[in-house]
C-alpha atoms as a PDB file:
ATOM      1  CA  MET A   1      47.274  53.274  72.225  1.00  0.00           C
ATOM      2  CA  ALA A   2      45.929  55.773  74.759  1.00  0.00           C
ATOM      3  CA  ASN A   3      48.046  56.502  77.819  1.00  0.00           C
ATOM      4  CA  SER A   4      45.589  56.895  80.710  1.00  0.00           C
ATOM      5  CA  LEU A   5      48.377  58.257  82.913  1.00  0.00           C
ATOM      6  CA  ARG A   6      48.508  61.255  80.587  1.00  0.00           C
ATOM      7  CA  GLY A   7      44.750  61.700  80.621  1.00  0.00           C
ATOM      8  CA  GLU A   8      44.179  60.040  77.268  1.00  0.00           C
ATOM      9  CA  VAL A   9      40.924  58.192  76.648  1.00  0.00           C
ATOM     10  CA  ALA A  10      40.581  55.947  73.595  1.00  0.00           C
ATOM     11  CA  PHE A  11      37.256  54.933  72.070  1.00  0.00           C
ATOM     12  CA  GLU A  12      35.902  53.451  68.846  1.00  0.00           C
ATOM     13  CA  ALA A  13      33.549  55.251  66.475  1.00  0.00           C
ATOM     14  CA  LEU A  14      32.908  55.308  62.736  1.00  0.00           C
ATOM     15  CA  GLY A  15      35.261  52.359  62.241  1.00  0.00           C
ATOM     16  CA  ALA A  16      38.259  54.164  63.749  1.00  0.00           C
ATOM     17  CA  THR A  17      39.971  54.576  67.096  1.00  0.00           C
ATOM     18  CA  TYR A  18      39.923  58.083  68.528  1.00  0.00           C
ATOM     19  CA  THR A  19      41.880  59.502  71.462  1.00  0.00           C
ATOM     20  CA  LEU A  20      40.485  62.294  73.578  1.00  0.00           C
ATOM     21  CA  VAL A  21      42.800  64.278  75.864  1.00  0.00           C
ATOM     22  CA  PHE A  22      42.590  67.530  77.796  1.00  0.00           C
ATOM     23  CA  ASP A  23      46.206  68.456  78.431  1.00  0.00           C
ATOM     24  CA  PHE A  24      47.490  71.951  79.218  1.00  0.00           C
ATOM     25  CA  ASN A  25      47.367  73.022  75.574  1.00  0.00           C
ATOM     26  CA  ALA A  26      43.755  71.873  75.294  1.00  0.00           C
ATOM     27  CA  LEU A  27      42.878  73.896  78.398  1.00  0.00           C
ATOM     28  CA  VAL A  28      44.384  76.991  76.829  1.00  0.00           C
ATOM     29  CA  ASP A  29      42.453  76.309  73.626  1.00  0.00           C
ATOM     30  CA  LEU A  30      39.224  75.923  75.622  1.00  0.00           C
ATOM     31  CA  GLU A  31      39.835  79.184  77.496  1.00  0.00           C
ATOM     32  CA  GLU A  32      40.433  80.995  74.212  1.00  0.00           C
ATOM     33  CA  GLU A  33      37.531  79.323  72.400  1.00  0.00           C
ATOM     34  CA  PHE A  34      35.005  80.233  75.094  1.00  0.00           C
ATOM     35  CA  ASP A  35      36.747  83.346  76.494  1.00  0.00           C
ATOM     36  CA  ILE A  36      36.530  82.042  80.078  1.00  0.00           C
ATOM     37  CA  GLU A  37      38.863  80.792  82.796  1.00  0.00           C
ATOM     38  CA  ALA A  38      39.505  77.050  82.996  1.00  0.00           C
ATOM     39  CA  SER A  39      37.728  76.891  86.365  1.00  0.00           C
ATOM     40  CA  ARG A  40      34.452  77.737  84.577  1.00  0.00           C
ATOM     41  CA  LEU A  41      34.645  75.095  81.856  1.00  0.00           C
ATOM     42  CA  GLY A  42      32.017  72.977  83.609  1.00  0.00           C
ATOM     43  CA  ASP A  43      29.534  75.806  83.037  1.00  0.00           C
ATOM     44  CA  ILE A  44      30.057  75.462  79.292  1.00  0.00           C
ATOM     45  CA  LEU A  45      29.100  71.788  79.263  1.00  0.00           C
ATOM     46  CA  GLN A  46      26.207  72.272  81.647  1.00  0.00           C
ATOM     47  CA  SER A  47      24.733  74.992  79.449  1.00  0.00           C
ATOM     48  CA  GLY A  48      22.898  72.309  77.480  1.00  0.00           C
ATOM     49  CA  ARG A  49      24.028  73.796  74.157  1.00  0.00           C
ATOM     50  CA  ALA A  50      24.912  71.106  71.631  1.00  0.00           C
ATOM     51  CA  GLY A  51      27.399  73.416  69.927  1.00  0.00           C
ATOM     52  CA  ASN A  52      29.371  73.777  73.151  1.00  0.00           C
ATOM     53  CA  LEU A  53      29.600  70.005  73.569  1.00  0.00           C
ATOM     54  CA  ARG A  54      30.786  69.645  69.978  1.00  0.00           C
ATOM     55  CA  ARG A  55      33.471  72.365  70.343  1.00  0.00           C
ATOM     56  CA  VAL A  56      34.805  70.925  73.619  1.00  0.00           C
ATOM     57  CA  PHE A  57      34.888  67.452  72.050  1.00  0.00           C
ATOM     58  CA  ARG A  58      36.765  68.762  68.993  1.00  0.00           C
ATOM     59  CA  ILE A  59      39.380  70.461  71.155  1.00  0.00           C
ATOM     60  CA  GLY A  60      39.835  67.263  73.141  1.00  0.00           C
ATOM     61  CA  LEU A  61      40.407  65.306  69.925  1.00  0.00           C
ATOM     62  CA  ALA A  62      42.711  67.856  68.274  1.00  0.00           C
ATOM     63  CA  ARG A  63      46.013  66.659  69.780  1.00  0.00           C
ATOM     64  CA  PHE A  64      45.814  63.237  68.142  1.00  0.00           C
ATOM     65  CA  HIS A  65      43.504  64.103  65.247  1.00  0.00           C
ATOM     66  CA  ALA A  66      45.012  67.266  63.807  1.00  0.00           C
ATOM     67  CA  GLY A  67      42.743  69.290  61.599  1.00  0.00           C
ATOM     68  CA  ILE A  68      39.523  67.766  62.911  1.00  0.00           C
ATOM     69  CA  THR A  69      36.609  70.107  62.288  1.00  0.00           C
ATOM     70  CA  ASP A  70      33.542  70.846  64.367  1.00  0.00           C
ATOM     71  CA  ALA A  71      31.465  68.960  61.805  1.00  0.00           C
ATOM     72  CA  GLN A  72      33.689  65.873  62.037  1.00  0.00           C
ATOM     73  CA  ALA A  73      33.562  65.977  65.843  1.00  0.00           C
ATOM     74  CA  GLY A  74      29.790  66.246  65.518  1.00  0.00           C
ATOM     75  CA  ASP A  75      29.720  63.155  63.310  1.00  0.00           C
ATOM     76  CA  VAL A  76      31.545  61.218  66.031  1.00  0.00           C
ATOM     77  CA  ILE A  77      29.127  62.520  68.679  1.00  0.00           C
ATOM     78  CA  SER A  78      26.198  61.514  66.458  1.00  0.00           C
ATOM     79  CA  VAL A  79      27.418  57.921  66.564  1.00  0.00           C
ATOM     80  CA  LEU A  80      28.289  57.933  70.281  1.00  0.00           C
ATOM     81  CA  GLY A  81      25.365  60.001  71.470  1.00  0.00           C
ATOM     82  CA  PRO A  82      25.696  63.221  73.460  1.00  0.00           C
ATOM     83  CA  GLN A  83      25.562  61.478  76.825  1.00  0.00           C
ATOM     84  CA  ARG A  84      28.444  59.127  75.974  1.00  0.00           C
ATOM     85  CA  ALA A  85      30.453  62.009  74.528  1.00  0.00           C
ATOM     86  CA  GLY A  86      29.963  63.901  77.789  1.00  0.00           C
ATOM     87  CA  GLU A  87      31.046  60.842  79.772  1.00  0.00           C
ATOM     88  CA  LEU A  88      34.233  60.571  77.697  1.00  0.00           C
ATOM     89  CA  ILE A  89      35.000  64.256  78.271  1.00  0.00           C
ATOM     90  CA  ALA A  90      34.498  63.822  82.012  1.00  0.00           C
ATOM     91  CA  GLU A  91      36.715  60.726  82.037  1.00  0.00           C
ATOM     92  CA  ALA A  92      39.487  62.517  80.137  1.00  0.00           C
ATOM     93  CA  PHE A  93      39.365  65.513  82.498  1.00  0.00           C
ATOM     94  CA  THR A  94      39.444  63.257  85.560  1.00  0.00           C
ATOM     95  CA  LYS A  95      42.411  61.302  84.221  1.00  0.00           C
ATOM     96  CA  ALA A  96      44.250  64.459  83.169  1.00  0.00           C
ATOM     97  CA  PHE A  97      43.883  66.117  86.570  1.00  0.00           C
ATOM     98  CA  PRO A  98      43.630  63.374  89.212  1.00  0.00           C
ATOM     99  CA  LYS A  99      45.237  65.547  91.895  1.00  0.00           C
ATOM    100  CA  ALA A 100      42.502  68.138  91.524  1.00  0.00           C
ATOM    101  CA  GLU A 101      39.989  65.405  92.327  1.00  0.00           C
ATOM    102  CA  ALA A 102      41.978  64.266  95.387  1.00  0.00           C
ATOM    103  CA  ALA A 103      42.605  67.832  96.562  1.00  0.00           C
ATOM    104  CA  SER A 104      38.936  68.393  97.222  1.00  0.00           C
ATOM    105  CA  GLY A 105      39.399  66.658 100.591  1.00  0.00           C
ATOM    106  CA  SER A 106      42.033  68.881 102.187  1.00  0.00           C
ATOM    107  CA  ALA A 107      44.327  71.579 100.909  1.00  0.00           C
ATOM    108  CA  ARG A 108      46.669  71.313 103.891  1.00  0.00           C
ATOM    109  CA  PRO A 109      50.072  69.701 103.368  1.00  0.00           C
ATOM    110  CA  PRO A 110      50.893  66.731 105.604  1.00  0.00           C
ATOM    111  CA  LYS A 111      52.530  67.577 108.931  1.00  0.00           C
ATOM    112  CA  ALA A 112      56.258  66.978 109.260  1.00  0.00           C
ATOM    113  CA  ARG A 113      57.227  64.080 111.508  1.00  0.00           C
ATOM    114  CA  ALA A 114      59.071  64.851 114.723  1.00  0.00           C
ATOM    115  CA  GLY A 115      62.776  65.331 114.180  1.00  0.00           C
ATOM    116  CA  THR A 116      62.501  66.175 110.447  1.00  0.00           C
ATOM    117  CA  ARG A 117      62.529  69.503 108.661  1.00  0.00           C
END
């Protein structure tokens, strides 16, 4: 069962349950796969290249589906559709890094209350 508190997203395809997750190790794998910094990963998905979507999806599946190939990840995407696959990636990233989403409001720490240090 997927643990959404750890950024895991479960879904059904091809008669099986898959779990997609973008933890720290997946981020490192993405940086190495695309030779870019993690902050630019959105550019990869917005490139419109199907191969990029498939590679990102495979890396997200790799933690719980060891040995999955690009072709197998592509088979799953074929069933889901590229749009749904992209939605699952976005959901997994949002769940994995919820503080990054909340931090977009203000980077300032809260002020200390009077009499505390």
